[in-house]
Amino acid sequence: MKPPPPADGLTLRAWDDGDAAALIAVAADPELRRWTSLRVTDETTAAAWLRTQQHGWRTGTRYAFAVLDDHGLVGHAALKRPDGEVGYWTAAAARGRGVASRALELLTGWAFAEFPDLGQLRLLHQVPNAASCRVALKTGYAYAETYAAQHPFPYDGHLHVRAR
């Protein structure tokens, strides 16, 4: 299975072992840690996280992409199977440049093209994360409902849905 072709100044590609140093640097961002479960702090935790992403590709349960621009790693986008849940995060240095919405559009188009059985995609974010809510709405993921907080996320969550 091939990743989506580069578009709109971004490349999405499967994570590889060579991404460890960039991942460690990006994961140190307190804002990213606030809204995600990403807990990469060193070579060991980076290698474990990368193995998890690679395992998802091998098993067809999670298609995780490093999001790159001309400057390097700017984010992450993923599709979980079989439920069609999408997720993303953006590196601190890339925020405010439309990276999340562009990456999500690329991921969405790829997911619908690669998996004809997906009638819709689901996106969850914590309610106080207003930036993620804006990205979801901007990219056509309509608000569907609110979920109660569940570990490891301390806040209620919004579910957004985008139909094929």
N, C-alpha and C. Protein backbone atom coordinates (compact mmCIF):
# COMPACT_ATOMS: atom_id res chain seq x y z
N MET A 1 0.85 -1.18 0.00
CA MET A 1 0.00 0.00 0.00
C MET A 1 0.89 1.24 0.00
N LYS A 2 0.60 2.14 -0.90
CA LYS A 2 1.40 3.35 -1.04
C LYS A 2 0.78 4.50 -0.26
N PRO A 3 1.62 5.40 0.26
CA PRO A 3 1.09 6.61 0.90
C PRO A 3 0.52 7.55 -0.16
N PRO A 4 -0.20 8.57 0.27
CA PRO A 4 -0.72 9.54 -0.71
C PRO A 4 0.43 10.28 -1.39
N PRO A 5 0.23 10.71 -2.62
CA PRO A 5 1.29 11.49 -3.27
C PRO A 5 1.44 12.85 -2.58
N PRO A 6 2.65 13.41 -2.62
CA PRO A 6 2.84 14.74 -2.02
C PRO A 6 1.88 15.76 -2.64
N ALA A 7 1.40 16.66 -1.82
CA ALA A 7 0.48 17.69 -2.29
C ALA A 7 0.46 18.84 -1.31
N ASP A 8 0.18 20.02 -1.83
CA ASP A 8 -0.03 21.20 -1.00
C ASP A 8 1.15 21.47 -0.07
N GLY A 9 2.37 21.16 -0.55
CA GLY A 9 3.57 21.44 0.22
C GLY A 9 3.90 20.40 1.29
N LEU A 10 3.14 19.30 1.34
CA LEU A 10 3.36 18.28 2.36
C LEU A 10 3.59 16.91 1.73
N THR A 11 4.36 16.11 2.43
CA THR A 11 4.54 14.71 2.10
C THR A 11 4.14 13.89 3.30
N LEU A 12 3.31 12.88 3.08
CA LEU A 12 2.97 11.91 4.11
C LEU A 12 3.66 10.61 3.74
N ARG A 13 4.44 10.07 4.67
CA ARG A 13 5.10 8.79 4.44
C ARG A 13 5.12 8.00 5.73
N ALA A 14 5.24 6.69 5.59
CA ALA A 14 5.30 5.84 6.78
C ALA A 14 6.50 6.25 7.64
N TRP A 15 6.31 6.19 8.94
CA TRP A 15 7.41 6.47 9.87
C TRP A 15 8.50 5.43 9.70
N ASP A 16 9.75 5.84 9.85
CA ASP A 16 10.85 4.88 9.81
C ASP A 16 11.82 5.15 10.96
N ASP A 17 12.72 4.23 11.18
CA ASP A 17 13.64 4.33 12.31
C ASP A 17 14.49 5.59 12.29
N GLY A 18 14.75 6.12 11.12
CA GLY A 18 15.53 7.34 11.00
C GLY A 18 14.82 8.58 11.52
N ASP A 19 13.57 8.47 11.88
CA ASP A 19 12.79 9.61 12.38
C ASP A 19 12.92 9.81 13.89
N ALA A 20 13.66 8.95 14.57
CA ALA A 20 13.71 8.99 16.03
C ALA A 20 14.14 10.35 16.59
N ALA A 21 15.22 10.91 16.09
CA ALA A 21 15.72 12.18 16.65
C ALA A 21 14.72 13.31 16.46
N ALA A 22 14.14 13.41 15.28
CA ALA A 22 13.14 14.46 15.03
C ALA A 22 11.90 14.24 15.89
N LEU A 23 11.50 13.00 16.07
CA LEU A 23 10.35 12.69 16.91
C LEU A 23 10.60 13.09 18.35
N ILE A 24 11.77 12.79 18.87
CA ILE A 24 12.12 13.16 20.25
C ILE A 24 12.04 14.68 20.42
N ALA A 25 12.58 15.42 19.48
CA ALA A 25 12.57 16.88 19.56
C ALA A 25 11.15 17.43 19.54
N VAL A 26 10.33 16.92 18.64
CA VAL A 26 8.95 17.40 18.52
C VAL A 26 8.13 17.03 19.75
N ALA A 27 8.36 15.83 20.28
CA ALA A 27 7.56 15.32 21.40
C ALA A 27 7.83 16.04 22.72
N ALA A 28 8.86 16.85 22.78
CA ALA A 28 9.17 17.59 24.00
C ALA A 28 8.21 18.76 24.22
N ASP A 29 7.42 19.10 23.24
CA ASP A 29 6.49 20.24 23.29
C ASP A 29 5.38 20.00 24.33
N PRO A 30 5.28 20.85 25.35
CA PRO A 30 4.24 20.67 26.38
C PRO A 30 2.82 20.72 25.82
N GLU A 31 2.59 21.54 24.81
CA GLU A 31 1.24 21.65 24.23
C GLU A 31 0.86 20.34 23.53
N LEU A 32 1.80 19.74 22.84
CA LEU A 32 1.54 18.45 22.19
C LEU A 32 1.26 17.39 23.24
N ARG A 33 2.02 17.38 24.31
CA ARG A 33 1.81 16.41 25.38
C ARG A 33 0.47 16.63 26.08
N ARG A 34 0.02 17.87 26.10
CA ARG A 34 -1.27 18.17 26.75
C ARG A 34 -2.43 17.51 26.02
N TRP A 35 -2.38 17.49 24.69
CA TRP A 35 -3.53 17.04 23.91
C TRP A 35 -3.41 15.64 23.34
N THR A 36 -2.25 15.03 23.44
CA THR A 36 -2.07 13.70 22.85
C THR A 36 -1.52 12.72 23.89
N SER A 37 -1.49 11.46 23.52
CA SER A 37 -0.90 10.44 24.39
C SER A 37 0.57 10.20 24.03
N LEU A 38 1.14 11.00 23.16
CA LEU A 38 2.53 10.85 22.75
C LEU A 38 3.45 11.13 23.93
N ARG A 39 4.21 10.12 24.35
CA ARG A 39 5.14 10.25 25.47
C ARG A 39 6.51 9.72 25.07
N VAL A 40 7.10 10.39 24.12
CA VAL A 40 8.44 10.03 23.65
C VAL A 40 9.42 11.00 24.28
N THR A 41 10.44 10.45 24.96
CA THR A 41 11.39 11.31 25.67
C THR A 41 12.84 11.01 25.35
N ASP A 42 13.11 9.84 24.76
CA ASP A 42 14.49 9.43 24.50
C ASP A 42 14.51 8.39 23.39
N GLU A 43 15.71 7.90 23.07
CA GLU A 43 15.86 6.91 21.99
C GLU A 43 15.03 5.65 22.23
N THR A 44 14.96 5.20 23.48
CA THR A 44 14.23 3.97 23.80
C THR A 44 12.74 4.15 23.56
N THR A 45 12.16 5.24 24.07
CA THR A 45 10.72 5.45 23.88
C THR A 45 10.39 5.80 22.43
N ALA A 46 11.31 6.48 21.76
CA ALA A 46 11.10 6.77 20.34
C ALA A 46 11.09 5.48 19.53
N ALA A 47 12.04 4.59 19.79
CA ALA A 47 12.10 3.31 19.07
C ALA A 47 10.85 2.49 19.32
N ALA A 48 10.35 2.49 20.55
CA ALA A 48 9.13 1.74 20.86
C ALA A 48 7.93 2.34 20.12
N TRP A 49 7.82 3.66 20.11
CA TRP A 49 6.71 4.31 19.43
C TRP A 49 6.76 4.03 17.93
N LEU A 50 7.95 4.12 17.35
CA LEU A 50 8.11 3.85 15.92
C LEU A 50 7.78 2.39 15.60
N ARG A 51 8.18 1.46 16.46
CA ARG A 51 7.82 0.04 16.25
C ARG A 51 6.31 -0.14 16.25
N THR A 52 5.62 0.57 17.13
CA THR A 52 4.16 0.48 17.18
C THR A 52 3.54 0.96 15.87
N GLN A 53 4.06 2.06 15.36
CA GLN A 53 3.53 2.59 14.08
C GLN A 53 3.81 1.60 12.95
N GLN A 54 5.00 1.03 12.92
CA GLN A 54 5.37 0.08 11.87
C GLN A 54 4.56 -1.21 11.98
N HIS A 55 4.29 -1.63 13.21
CA HIS A 55 3.46 -2.82 13.43
C HIS A 55 2.05 -2.60 12.89
N GLY A 56 1.53 -1.40 13.06
CA GLY A 56 0.21 -1.07 12.53
C GLY A 56 0.14 -1.24 11.03
N TRP A 57 1.17 -0.81 10.33
CA TRP A 57 1.22 -0.99 8.87
C TRP A 57 1.24 -2.46 8.51
N ARG A 58 2.10 -3.25 9.22
CA ARG A 58 2.21 -4.68 8.89
C ARG A 58 0.91 -5.42 9.12
N THR A 59 0.17 -5.05 10.16
CA THR A 59 -1.06 -5.76 10.51
C THR A 59 -2.31 -5.16 9.87
N GLY A 60 -2.16 -3.98 9.26
CA GLY A 60 -3.31 -3.34 8.64
C GLY A 60 -4.29 -2.73 9.64
N THR A 61 -3.81 -2.45 10.85
CA THR A 61 -4.68 -1.90 11.89
C THR A 61 -4.49 -0.41 12.11
N ARG A 62 -3.35 0.12 11.64
CA ARG A 62 -3.05 1.54 11.86
C ARG A 62 -2.06 1.98 10.79
N TYR A 63 -2.46 3.00 10.05
CA TYR A 63 -1.60 3.55 9.00
C TYR A 63 -1.16 4.93 9.46
N ALA A 64 0.05 4.98 10.01
CA ALA A 64 0.58 6.21 10.60
C ALA A 64 1.61 6.82 9.67
N PHE A 65 1.50 8.12 9.49
CA PHE A 65 2.36 8.85 8.57
C PHE A 65 3.12 9.96 9.28
N ALA A 66 4.40 10.07 8.98
CA ALA A 66 5.14 11.27 9.32
C ALA A 66 4.73 12.32 8.29
N VAL A 67 4.45 13.52 8.75
CA VAL A 67 4.08 14.63 7.87
C VAL A 67 5.31 15.52 7.74
N LEU A 68 5.75 15.71 6.49
CA LEU A 68 6.98 16.45 6.23
C LEU A 68 6.73 17.60 5.27
N ASP A 69 7.49 18.67 5.46
CA ASP A 69 7.55 19.73 4.46
C ASP A 69 9.02 19.96 4.12
N ASP A 70 9.34 21.05 3.47
CA ASP A 70 10.72 21.32 3.07
C ASP A 70 11.68 21.44 4.25
N HIS A 71 11.15 21.68 5.43
CA HIS A 71 11.99 21.87 6.62
C HIS A 71 12.12 20.62 7.46
N GLY A 72 11.41 19.56 7.12
CA GLY A 72 11.50 18.32 7.88
C GLY A 72 10.16 17.93 8.50
N LEU A 73 10.22 17.28 9.66
CA LEU A 73 9.03 16.77 10.33
C LEU A 73 8.18 17.91 10.87
N VAL A 74 6.92 17.94 10.44
CA VAL A 74 5.99 18.97 10.91
C VAL A 74 4.74 18.39 11.56
N GLY A 75 4.61 17.06 11.53
CA GLY A 75 3.43 16.49 12.15
C GLY A 75 3.30 14.99 11.94
N HIS A 76 2.10 14.53 12.26
CA HIS A 76 1.75 13.12 12.24
C HIS A 76 0.29 13.03 11.85
N ALA A 77 -0.05 12.03 11.06
CA ALA A 77 -1.45 11.76 10.71
C ALA A 77 -1.63 10.25 10.65
N ALA A 78 -2.76 9.75 11.12
CA ALA A 78 -2.96 8.31 11.18
C ALA A 78 -4.42 7.93 10.93
N LEU A 79 -4.57 6.76 10.37
CA LEU A 79 -5.88 6.13 10.18
C LEU A 79 -5.88 4.81 10.92
N LYS A 80 -6.84 4.62 11.81
CA LYS A 80 -7.01 3.34 12.51
C LYS A 80 -8.05 2.52 11.76
N ARG A 81 -7.76 1.23 11.64
CA ARG A 81 -8.69 0.31 11.00
C ARG A 81 -9.11 -0.73 12.02
N PRO A 82 -10.29 -1.27 11.98
CA PRO A 82 -11.25 -1.10 10.89
C PRO A 82 -12.24 0.03 11.11
N ASP A 83 -12.17 0.74 12.24
CA ASP A 83 -13.23 1.70 12.58
C ASP A 83 -13.16 3.03 11.83
N GLY A 84 -12.05 3.31 11.16
CA GLY A 84 -11.97 4.54 10.38
C GLY A 84 -11.73 5.79 11.20
N GLU A 85 -11.10 5.63 12.36
CA GLU A 85 -10.77 6.81 13.17
C GLU A 85 -9.48 7.44 12.65
N VAL A 86 -9.48 8.74 12.49
CA VAL A 86 -8.29 9.47 12.08
C VAL A 86 -7.80 10.33 13.23
N GLY A 87 -6.51 10.60 13.20
CA GLY A 87 -5.91 11.46 14.21
C GLY A 87 -4.72 12.16 13.62
N TYR A 88 -4.27 13.20 14.30
CA TYR A 88 -3.14 13.98 13.81
C TYR A 88 -2.58 14.81 14.95
N TRP A 89 -1.37 15.25 14.78
CA TRP A 89 -0.80 16.30 15.61
C TRP A 89 0.18 17.10 14.77
N THR A 90 0.46 18.30 15.25
CA THR A 90 1.34 19.21 14.52
C THR A 90 2.48 19.64 15.44
N ALA A 91 3.69 19.66 14.90
CA ALA A 91 4.85 20.13 15.65
C ALA A 91 4.68 21.61 15.99
N ALA A 92 5.20 22.02 17.13
CA ALA A 92 5.05 23.40 17.58
C ALA A 92 5.50 24.42 16.53
N ALA A 93 6.63 24.17 15.91
CA ALA A 93 7.18 25.12 14.93
C ALA A 93 6.32 25.24 13.68
N ALA A 94 5.41 24.29 13.46
CA ALA A 94 4.59 24.29 12.25
C ALA A 94 3.16 24.77 12.50
N ARG A 95 2.82 25.05 13.73
CA ARG A 95 1.44 25.47 14.03
C ARG A 95 1.12 26.82 13.43
N GLY A 96 -0.13 26.99 13.04
CA GLY A 96 -0.58 28.25 12.47
C GLY A 96 -0.30 28.37 10.98
N ARG A 97 0.19 27.32 10.35
CA ARG A 97 0.50 27.35 8.92
C ARG A 97 -0.41 26.44 8.11
N GLY A 98 -1.47 25.91 8.74
CA GLY A 98 -2.40 25.05 8.02
C GLY A 98 -1.92 23.63 7.81
N VAL A 99 -0.87 23.24 8.52
CA VAL A 99 -0.32 21.89 8.34
C VAL A 99 -1.35 20.83 8.72
N ALA A 100 -2.01 20.97 9.85
CA ALA A 100 -2.96 19.95 10.31
C ALA A 100 -4.09 19.77 9.31
N SER A 101 -4.67 20.85 8.84
CA SER A 101 -5.80 20.72 7.91
C SER A 101 -5.34 20.15 6.56
N ARG A 102 -4.17 20.56 6.08
CA ARG A 102 -3.67 20.01 4.81
C ARG A 102 -3.34 18.53 4.95
N ALA A 103 -2.71 18.15 6.06
CA ALA A 103 -2.38 16.74 6.28
C ALA A 103 -3.65 15.91 6.43
N LEU A 104 -4.63 16.45 7.14
CA LEU A 104 -5.89 15.72 7.31
C LEU A 104 -6.61 15.55 5.98
N GLU A 105 -6.58 16.55 5.14
CA GLU A 105 -7.19 16.41 3.80
C GLU A 105 -6.49 15.32 2.99
N LEU A 106 -5.16 15.31 3.02
CA LEU A 106 -4.41 14.26 2.31
C LEU A 106 -4.76 12.89 2.86
N LEU A 107 -4.77 12.76 4.18
CA LEU A 107 -5.09 11.48 4.81
C LEU A 107 -6.51 11.04 4.47
N THR A 108 -7.45 11.96 4.51
CA THR A 108 -8.85 11.64 4.23
C THR A 108 -9.02 11.14 2.80
N GLY A 109 -8.46 11.86 1.84
CA GLY A 109 -8.55 11.43 0.45
C GLY A 109 -7.93 10.07 0.23
N TRP A 110 -6.76 9.86 0.85
CA TRP A 110 -6.08 8.57 0.74
C TRP A 110 -6.92 7.45 1.35
N ALA A 111 -7.47 7.68 2.55
CA ALA A 111 -8.26 6.65 3.24
C ALA A 111 -9.47 6.25 2.41
N PHE A 112 -10.19 7.22 1.87
CA PHE A 112 -11.37 6.89 1.07
C PHE A 112 -10.99 6.18 -0.22
N ALA A 113 -9.85 6.53 -0.81
CA ALA A 113 -9.40 5.87 -2.04
C ALA A 113 -8.92 4.45 -1.78
N GLU A 114 -8.20 4.24 -0.70
CA GLU A 114 -7.62 2.92 -0.40
C GLU A 114 -8.61 1.94 0.20
N PHE A 115 -9.61 2.44 0.89
CA PHE A 115 -10.54 1.57 1.62
C PHE A 115 -11.98 1.86 1.22
N PRO A 116 -12.44 1.24 0.14
CA PRO A 116 -13.79 1.52 -0.34
C PRO A 116 -14.89 1.12 0.66
N ASP A 117 -14.55 0.30 1.64
CA ASP A 117 -15.53 -0.10 2.64
C ASP A 117 -15.81 0.99 3.67
N LEU A 118 -14.97 2.00 3.72
CA LEU A 118 -15.18 3.07 4.68
C LEU A 118 -16.26 4.02 4.19
N GLY A 119 -17.38 4.03 4.87
CA GLY A 119 -18.44 4.96 4.51
C GLY A 119 -18.25 6.33 5.14
N GLN A 120 -17.47 6.34 6.23
CA GLN A 120 -17.20 7.59 6.93
C GLN A 120 -15.91 7.46 7.71
N LEU A 121 -15.35 8.60 8.08
CA LEU A 121 -14.19 8.65 8.96
C LEU A 121 -14.59 9.38 10.22
N ARG A 122 -13.98 8.98 11.33
CA ARG A 122 -14.28 9.54 12.64
C ARG A 122 -13.05 10.26 13.18
N LEU A 123 -13.26 11.39 13.81
CA LEU A 123 -12.18 12.19 14.40
C LEU A 123 -12.60 12.57 15.80
N LEU A 124 -11.75 12.28 16.76
CA LEU A 124 -12.01 12.63 18.15
C LEU A 124 -10.97 13.63 18.64
N HIS A 125 -11.40 14.60 19.43
CA HIS A 125 -10.46 15.52 20.08
C HIS A 125 -11.05 15.94 21.41
N GLN A 126 -10.20 16.36 22.32
CA GLN A 126 -10.66 16.84 23.61
C GLN A 126 -11.34 18.20 23.43
N VAL A 127 -12.45 18.40 24.12
CA VAL A 127 -13.26 19.60 23.93
C VAL A 127 -12.47 20.90 24.07
N PRO A 128 -11.60 21.06 25.09
CA PRO A 128 -10.90 22.33 25.20
C PRO A 128 -9.86 22.59 24.09
N ASN A 129 -9.58 21.59 23.28
CA ASN A 129 -8.61 21.77 22.19
C ASN A 129 -9.32 22.43 21.00
N ALA A 130 -9.50 23.73 21.11
CA ALA A 130 -10.25 24.48 20.10
C ALA A 130 -9.59 24.43 18.73
N ALA A 131 -8.26 24.36 18.68
CA ALA A 131 -7.56 24.30 17.39
C ALA A 131 -7.94 23.03 16.64
N SER A 132 -8.01 21.90 17.34
CA SER A 132 -8.40 20.65 16.68
C SER A 132 -9.84 20.70 16.21
N CYS A 133 -10.69 21.35 16.97
CA CYS A 133 -12.08 21.49 16.55
C CYS A 133 -12.15 22.30 15.25
N ARG A 134 -11.38 23.38 15.18
CA ARG A 134 -11.36 24.20 13.96
C ARG A 134 -10.85 23.41 12.76
N VAL A 135 -9.81 22.61 12.96
CA VAL A 135 -9.27 21.78 11.88
C VAL A 135 -10.34 20.80 11.40
N ALA A 136 -11.00 20.15 12.34
CA ALA A 136 -12.04 19.18 11.97
C ALA A 136 -13.13 19.84 11.13
N LEU A 137 -13.64 20.94 11.59
CA LEU A 137 -14.72 21.62 10.87
C LEU A 137 -14.25 22.15 9.51
N LYS A 138 -13.04 22.71 9.47
CA LYS A 138 -12.49 23.25 8.22
C LYS A 138 -12.35 22.18 7.15
N THR A 139 -12.09 20.95 7.58
CA THR A 139 -11.86 19.86 6.63
C THR A 139 -13.09 19.00 6.39
N GLY A 140 -14.25 19.49 6.81
CA GLY A 140 -15.50 18.79 6.50
C GLY A 140 -15.90 17.70 7.47
N TYR A 141 -15.27 17.64 8.63
CA TYR A 141 -15.65 16.68 9.66
C TYR A 141 -16.69 17.37 10.56
N ALA A 142 -17.93 17.02 10.36
CA ALA A 142 -19.02 17.65 11.09
C ALA A 142 -19.08 17.16 12.54
N TYR A 143 -19.41 18.06 13.45
CA TYR A 143 -19.60 17.67 14.85
C TYR A 143 -20.75 16.67 14.91
N ALA A 144 -20.54 15.57 15.68
CA ALA A 144 -21.58 14.55 15.82
C ALA A 144 -22.07 14.41 17.25
N GLU A 145 -21.15 14.36 18.22
CA GLU A 145 -21.56 14.23 19.61
C GLU A 145 -20.39 14.47 20.55
N THR A 146 -20.71 14.56 21.84
CA THR A 146 -19.70 14.74 22.87
C THR A 146 -19.63 13.47 23.71
N TYR A 147 -18.41 13.01 23.98
CA TYR A 147 -18.16 11.85 24.82
C TYR A 147 -17.60 12.28 26.16
N ALA A 148 -17.89 11.49 27.20
CA ALA A 148 -17.31 11.75 28.52
C ALA A 148 -15.81 11.44 28.48
N ALA A 149 -15.05 12.13 29.30
CA ALA A 149 -13.60 11.92 29.38
C ALA A 149 -13.30 10.45 29.69
N GLN A 150 -12.24 9.95 29.06
CA GLN A 150 -11.76 8.59 29.30
C GLN A 150 -10.25 8.60 29.38
N HIS A 151 -9.71 7.85 30.33
CA HIS A 151 -8.26 7.75 30.48
C HIS A 151 -7.64 7.33 29.16
N PRO A 152 -6.57 7.93 28.69
CA PRO A 152 -5.69 8.86 29.40
C PRO A 152 -6.05 10.32 29.19
N PHE A 153 -7.21 10.59 28.60
CA PHE A 153 -7.59 11.97 28.28
C PHE A 153 -8.49 12.54 29.37
N PRO A 154 -8.10 13.66 29.99
CA PRO A 154 -8.82 14.18 31.16
C PRO A 154 -10.08 14.99 30.83
N TYR A 155 -10.30 15.30 29.57
CA TYR A 155 -11.43 16.16 29.21
C TYR A 155 -12.43 15.39 28.34
N ASP A 156 -13.68 15.86 28.35
CA ASP A 156 -14.67 15.32 27.43
C ASP A 156 -14.14 15.48 26.01
N GLY A 157 -14.68 14.66 25.10
CA GLY A 157 -14.22 14.71 23.72
C GLY A 157 -15.34 14.97 22.74
N HIS A 158 -15.00 15.62 21.66
CA HIS A 158 -15.92 15.80 20.53
C HIS A 158 -15.65 14.70 19.51
N LEU A 159 -16.73 14.16 18.97
CA LEU A 159 -16.64 13.27 17.83
C LEU A 159 -17.08 14.07 16.61
N HIS A 160 -16.25 14.06 15.59
CA HIS A 160 -16.57 14.65 14.29
C HIS A 160 -16.57 13.53 13.27
N VAL A 161 -17.44 13.64 12.26
CA VAL A 161 -17.58 12.60 11.26
C VAL A 161 -17.54 13.23 9.87
N ARG A 162 -16.85 12.55 8.96
CA ARG A 162 -16.87 12.97 7.55
C ARG A 162 -17.30 11.78 6.72
N ALA A 163 -18.38 11.96 5.99
CA ALA A 163 -18.90 10.91 5.12
C ALA A 163 -18.12 10.88 3.82
N ARG A 164 -18.11 9.73 3.20
CA ARG A 164 -17.43 9.54 1.92
C ARG A 164 -17.95 10.54 0.91
